[in-house]
Protein backbone atom coordinates (compact mmCIF):
# COMPACT_ATOMS: atom_id res chain seq x y z
CA MET A 1 -42.72 2.53 -4.00
CA TRP A 2 -39.28 3.35 -2.92
CA ARG A 3 -37.15 6.37 -4.17
CA LEU A 4 -33.40 6.99 -2.52
CA SER A 5 -31.94 9.78 -5.21
CA LEU A 6 -27.42 10.76 -3.76
CA GLU A 7 -25.31 13.39 -5.15
CA ILE A 8 -22.23 13.22 -5.57
CA SER A 9 -18.61 15.13 -5.87
CA SER A 10 -15.01 15.22 -5.32
CA GLU A 11 -12.22 17.58 -4.45
CA ILE A 12 -10.54 17.33 -7.27
CA GLU A 13 -13.11 17.15 -11.18
CA THR A 14 -11.50 13.31 -12.83
CA ASP A 15 -11.87 12.25 -9.28
CA THR A 16 -15.20 12.53 -10.42
CA LYS A 17 -15.26 11.39 -13.49
CA ALA A 18 -13.61 8.35 -12.48
CA LEU A 19 -17.26 7.88 -9.34
CA ALA A 20 -19.41 8.27 -12.47
CA ALA A 21 -17.64 5.89 -15.14
CA CYS A 22 -17.83 2.99 -12.31
CA LEU A 23 -21.64 3.66 -12.10
CA ALA A 24 -22.14 3.83 -16.42
CA THR A 25 -23.73 -0.11 -16.09
CA ASP A 26 -25.02 0.14 -13.07
CA CYS A 27 -27.27 3.30 -13.47
CA GLU A 28 -27.69 6.51 -14.61
CA THR A 29 -25.86 9.30 -13.91
CA HIS A 30 -27.18 12.68 -14.45
CA TRP A 31 -24.61 15.94 -14.52
CA THR A 32 -26.07 18.86 -11.75
CA GLY A 33 -22.60 20.94 -11.73
CA ASP A 34 -19.29 21.21 -12.86
CA ASN A 35 -17.72 18.86 -10.33
CA GLN A 36 -20.65 16.93 -9.01
CA PHE A 37 -23.95 14.04 -9.59
CA GLN A 38 -26.14 12.26 -8.85
CA ILE A 39 -27.81 9.04 -9.31
CA ASN A 40 -31.54 7.98 -8.15
CA LEU A 41 -32.56 4.50 -7.48
CA GLU A 42 -36.44 3.39 -8.08
CA GLU A 43 -37.55 -0.01 -6.32
CA ILE A 44 -41.20 -1.43 -5.09
CA HIS A 45 -39.88 -3.44 -2.09
CA ALA A 46 -36.52 -2.04 0.19
CA LYS A 47 -34.99 -4.87 0.81
CA ASP A 48 -34.65 -4.90 -3.34
CA MET A 49 -33.95 -0.68 -2.88
CA ARG A 50 -30.73 -2.66 0.38
CA ALA A 51 -29.60 -4.66 -2.33
CA MET A 52 -29.67 -1.43 -5.23
CA TRP A 53 -28.00 0.80 -2.48
CA ASN A 54 -24.90 -1.87 -1.57
CA THR A 55 -24.11 -2.55 -5.09
CA ARG A 56 -23.63 0.86 -5.91
CA MET A 57 -21.59 1.51 -2.06
CA ARG A 58 -19.05 -0.63 -3.09
CA GLY A 59 -18.42 0.20 -6.98
CA LEU A 60 -17.91 4.15 -5.32
CA ILE A 61 -15.85 2.80 -2.53
CA ALA A 62 -13.26 0.14 -4.54
CA THR A 63 -12.94 3.19 -7.05
CA ASP A 64 -11.84 5.88 -3.82
CA SER A 65 -9.94 3.32 -2.92
CA VAL A 66 -7.67 2.98 -6.03
CA LEU A 67 -8.36 6.90 -6.33
CA LYS A 68 -6.30 7.08 -3.11
CA VAL A 69 -3.53 4.57 -4.25
CA PHE A 70 -2.88 6.60 -6.65
CA GLY A 71 -2.32 9.84 -5.10
CA LYS A 72 0.12 8.53 -3.14
CA HIS A 73 1.54 6.93 -5.73
CA SER A 74 1.78 9.97 -8.20
């Protein structure tokens, strides 16, 4: 069994909430503080863990990119 935990936070609370929201359909988020949350992944095979990790990271990267664009133009 492969297990992976990731803690995520941003300097701005609304950005952290947006990052958590982008994962809402992919995995559970567990808030560990006012501005920090954690995701946990478990897979039997390493290749499946890699695929799940990549999917979550693509979502986080895309959301972060959108937040950066809005931050520059607001």
